[in-house]
């Protein structure tokens, strides 16, 4: 049974992946953020792809986005 928020999400989502689709570990990441004095909150940290174990450190949200983009492309093309 879906909760009210899941039902709402399913009707308002613009995602290509169906809401009821199983979550694959291929797409699972752990993101750890750390505060850096004088920088925007959560602009630096570490990311790990759970299946491959590949990790990267990032110093900006742009670096995080870039890593995710490249990692997801490599997963899709594998």
N, C-alpha and C. Protein backbone atom coordinates (compact mmCIF):
# COMPACT_ATOMS: atom_id res chain seq x y z
N UNK A 1 0.84 -1.17 0.00
CA UNK A 1 0.00 0.00 0.00
C UNK A 1 0.89 1.24 0.00
N UNK A 2 0.56 2.20 -0.81
CA UNK A 2 1.33 3.44 -0.90
C UNK A 2 0.86 4.44 0.14
N UNK A 3 1.82 5.21 0.63
CA UNK A 3 1.47 6.30 1.54
C UNK A 3 0.96 7.47 0.71
N UNK A 4 0.38 8.44 1.39
CA UNK A 4 -0.13 9.63 0.69
C UNK A 4 0.98 10.34 -0.05
N UNK A 5 2.17 10.43 0.54
CA UNK A 5 3.27 11.13 -0.13
C UNK A 5 3.74 10.36 -1.35
N UNK A 6 3.73 9.02 -1.30
CA UNK A 6 4.12 8.24 -2.46
C UNK A 6 3.11 8.42 -3.59
N UNK A 7 1.83 8.44 -3.25
CA UNK A 7 0.82 8.66 -4.27
C UNK A 7 0.96 10.02 -4.90
N UNK A 8 1.23 11.04 -4.07
CA UNK A 8 1.41 12.39 -4.57
C UNK A 8 2.62 12.44 -5.49
N UNK A 9 3.72 11.83 -5.06
CA UNK A 9 4.94 11.82 -5.86
C UNK A 9 4.70 11.15 -7.21
N UNK A 10 3.97 10.08 -7.20
CA UNK A 10 3.73 9.35 -8.44
C UNK A 10 2.94 10.17 -9.44
N UNK A 11 2.07 11.04 -8.98
CA UNK A 11 1.25 11.81 -9.90
C UNK A 11 1.92 13.11 -10.33
N UNK A 12 2.92 13.58 -9.59
CA UNK A 12 3.55 14.85 -9.93
C UNK A 12 4.97 14.69 -10.46
N UNK A 13 5.51 13.49 -10.46
CA UNK A 13 6.88 13.26 -10.89
C UNK A 13 7.01 13.42 -12.40
N UNK A 14 8.13 14.01 -12.83
CA UNK A 14 8.42 14.10 -14.26
C UNK A 14 9.54 13.13 -14.62
N UNK A 15 9.89 12.25 -13.70
CA UNK A 15 10.96 11.29 -13.90
C UNK A 15 10.58 10.28 -14.98
N UNK A 16 11.60 9.79 -15.69
CA UNK A 16 11.39 8.78 -16.71
C UNK A 16 11.21 7.41 -16.07
N UNK A 17 11.82 7.19 -14.90
CA UNK A 17 11.74 5.91 -14.21
C UNK A 17 10.43 5.85 -13.43
N UNK A 18 9.66 4.78 -13.60
CA UNK A 18 8.42 4.66 -12.85
C UNK A 18 8.69 4.66 -11.35
N UNK A 19 7.79 5.26 -10.60
CA UNK A 19 7.95 5.37 -9.15
C UNK A 19 8.01 3.99 -8.51
N UNK A 20 7.28 3.04 -9.04
CA UNK A 20 7.24 1.70 -8.46
C UNK A 20 8.39 0.81 -8.91
N UNK A 21 9.30 1.32 -9.73
CA UNK A 21 10.42 0.52 -10.21
C UNK A 21 11.34 0.19 -9.04
N UNK A 22 11.88 -1.03 -9.01
CA UNK A 22 12.79 -1.39 -7.93
C UNK A 22 14.06 -0.55 -8.01
N UNK A 23 14.62 -0.24 -6.86
CA UNK A 23 15.86 0.53 -6.82
C UNK A 23 17.04 -0.42 -6.98
N UNK A 24 17.88 -0.13 -7.94
CA UNK A 24 19.03 -0.97 -8.23
C UNK A 24 20.25 -0.50 -7.46
N UNK A 25 21.03 -1.42 -6.90
CA UNK A 25 22.27 -1.02 -6.24
C UNK A 25 23.28 -0.42 -7.22
N UNK A 26 23.11 -0.70 -8.52
CA UNK A 26 23.99 -0.09 -9.53
C UNK A 26 23.93 1.43 -9.48
N UNK A 27 22.82 1.97 -9.01
CA UNK A 27 22.62 3.41 -8.99
C UNK A 27 22.76 3.98 -7.58
N UNK A 28 23.32 3.22 -6.65
CA UNK A 28 23.40 3.64 -5.25
C UNK A 28 24.75 4.30 -4.94
N UNK A 29 24.67 5.45 -4.29
CA UNK A 29 25.85 6.20 -3.88
C UNK A 29 25.70 6.62 -2.42
N UNK A 30 26.83 6.76 -1.75
CA UNK A 30 26.86 7.38 -0.43
C UNK A 30 27.57 8.71 -0.60
N UNK A 31 26.94 9.77 -0.12
CA UNK A 31 27.54 11.10 -0.21
C UNK A 31 27.71 11.63 1.20
N UNK A 32 28.93 11.97 1.55
CA UNK A 32 29.23 12.56 2.85
C UNK A 32 29.61 14.01 2.62
N UNK A 33 28.94 14.91 3.31
CA UNK A 33 29.24 16.34 3.20
C UNK A 33 30.01 16.79 4.42
N UNK A 34 30.87 17.78 4.23
CA UNK A 34 31.56 18.39 5.37
C UNK A 34 31.51 19.90 5.21
N UNK A 35 31.48 20.56 6.32
CA UNK A 35 31.47 22.03 6.31
C UNK A 35 32.90 22.52 6.17
N UNK A 36 33.08 23.51 5.33
CA UNK A 36 34.39 24.14 5.15
C UNK A 36 34.22 25.61 5.54
N UNK A 37 34.98 26.06 6.54
CA UNK A 37 34.84 27.45 6.98
C UNK A 37 34.99 28.44 5.83
N UNK A 38 34.07 29.38 5.77
CA UNK A 38 34.11 30.41 4.73
C UNK A 38 33.52 29.99 3.40
N UNK A 39 33.02 28.77 3.30
CA UNK A 39 32.43 28.27 2.06
C UNK A 39 30.95 28.00 2.30
N UNK A 40 30.17 27.92 1.24
CA UNK A 40 28.75 27.57 1.41
C UNK A 40 28.61 26.22 2.12
N UNK A 41 27.57 26.08 2.89
CA UNK A 41 27.33 24.84 3.61
C UNK A 41 27.25 23.67 2.64
N UNK A 42 27.85 22.57 3.01
CA UNK A 42 27.78 21.32 2.27
C UNK A 42 28.35 21.41 0.86
N UNK A 43 29.38 22.20 0.68
CA UNK A 43 29.97 22.34 -0.65
C UNK A 43 31.15 21.39 -0.87
N UNK A 44 31.52 20.63 0.13
CA UNK A 44 32.66 19.72 -0.02
C UNK A 44 32.33 18.40 0.65
N UNK A 45 33.05 17.35 0.23
CA UNK A 45 32.83 16.06 0.85
C UNK A 45 33.38 14.93 0.02
N UNK A 46 32.75 13.77 0.18
CA UNK A 46 33.21 12.54 -0.43
C UNK A 46 32.00 11.78 -0.96
N UNK A 47 32.18 11.09 -2.09
CA UNK A 47 31.11 10.27 -2.67
C UNK A 47 31.68 8.90 -3.00
N UNK A 48 30.86 7.88 -2.78
CA UNK A 48 31.28 6.51 -3.07
C UNK A 48 30.17 5.79 -3.82
N UNK A 49 30.55 5.12 -4.90
CA UNK A 49 29.62 4.27 -5.63
C UNK A 49 29.63 2.92 -4.93
N UNK A 50 28.48 2.49 -4.42
CA UNK A 50 28.43 1.31 -3.55
C UNK A 50 28.84 0.02 -4.24
N UNK A 51 28.46 -0.18 -5.49
CA UNK A 51 28.74 -1.44 -6.16
C UNK A 51 30.22 -1.56 -6.52
N UNK A 52 30.79 -0.51 -7.10
CA UNK A 52 32.18 -0.56 -7.56
C UNK A 52 33.18 -0.20 -6.47
N UNK A 53 32.74 0.56 -5.48
CA UNK A 53 33.65 1.02 -4.45
C UNK A 53 34.47 2.24 -4.85
N UNK A 54 34.24 2.74 -6.07
CA UNK A 54 34.98 3.93 -6.51
C UNK A 54 34.56 5.12 -5.66
N UNK A 55 35.55 5.94 -5.30
CA UNK A 55 35.28 7.12 -4.47
C UNK A 55 35.90 8.35 -5.11
N UNK A 56 35.41 9.47 -4.70
CA UNK A 56 35.97 10.76 -5.13
C UNK A 56 35.70 11.78 -4.03
N UNK A 57 36.60 12.72 -3.92
CA UNK A 57 36.40 13.85 -3.02
C UNK A 57 36.01 15.04 -3.89
N UNK A 58 35.15 15.89 -3.37
CA UNK A 58 34.73 17.06 -4.13
C UNK A 58 34.85 18.29 -3.24
N UNK A 59 35.15 19.41 -3.89
CA UNK A 59 35.32 20.68 -3.19
C UNK A 59 34.23 21.68 -3.54
N UNK A 60 33.31 21.27 -4.40
CA UNK A 60 32.19 22.14 -4.79
C UNK A 60 31.04 21.26 -5.27
N UNK A 61 29.87 21.84 -5.31
CA UNK A 61 28.72 21.10 -5.82
C UNK A 61 28.88 20.82 -7.31
N UNK A 62 29.61 21.68 -8.01
CA UNK A 62 29.88 21.44 -9.43
C UNK A 62 30.74 20.19 -9.61
N UNK A 63 31.75 20.00 -8.74
CA UNK A 63 32.58 18.80 -8.81
C UNK A 63 31.75 17.56 -8.50
N UNK A 64 30.85 17.65 -7.53
CA UNK A 64 29.98 16.53 -7.20
C UNK A 64 29.09 16.17 -8.40
N UNK A 65 28.50 17.18 -9.01
CA UNK A 65 27.64 16.97 -10.17
C UNK A 65 28.43 16.35 -11.32
N UNK A 66 29.63 16.82 -11.54
CA UNK A 66 30.47 16.30 -12.61
C UNK A 66 30.80 14.82 -12.36
N UNK A 67 31.17 14.48 -11.13
CA UNK A 67 31.47 13.09 -10.80
C UNK A 67 30.25 12.20 -11.05
N UNK A 68 29.11 12.62 -10.54
CA UNK A 68 27.89 11.83 -10.71
C UNK A 68 27.55 11.64 -12.19
N UNK A 69 27.67 12.69 -12.96
CA UNK A 69 27.38 12.61 -14.39
C UNK A 69 28.27 11.57 -15.07
N UNK A 70 29.57 11.64 -14.81
CA UNK A 70 30.50 10.69 -15.43
C UNK A 70 30.27 9.27 -14.93
N UNK A 71 30.05 9.11 -13.65
CA UNK A 71 29.85 7.78 -13.08
C UNK A 71 28.57 7.14 -13.64
N UNK A 72 27.51 7.91 -13.72
CA UNK A 72 26.25 7.37 -14.23
C UNK A 72 26.35 7.04 -15.72
N UNK A 73 27.10 7.84 -16.46
CA UNK A 73 27.32 7.52 -17.88
C UNK A 73 28.07 6.20 -18.02
N UNK A 74 29.09 5.99 -17.19
CA UNK A 74 29.87 4.75 -17.28
C UNK A 74 29.03 3.55 -16.88
N UNK A 75 28.14 3.70 -15.91
CA UNK A 75 27.25 2.61 -15.50
C UNK A 75 26.30 2.28 -16.63
N UNK A 76 25.73 3.30 -17.23
CA UNK A 76 24.76 3.09 -18.31
C UNK A 76 25.41 2.42 -19.51
N UNK A 77 26.67 2.76 -19.80
CA UNK A 77 27.36 2.22 -20.98
C UNK A 77 28.02 0.87 -20.71
N UNK A 78 27.99 0.41 -19.47
CA UNK A 78 28.65 -0.87 -19.14
C UNK A 78 27.83 -2.05 -19.59
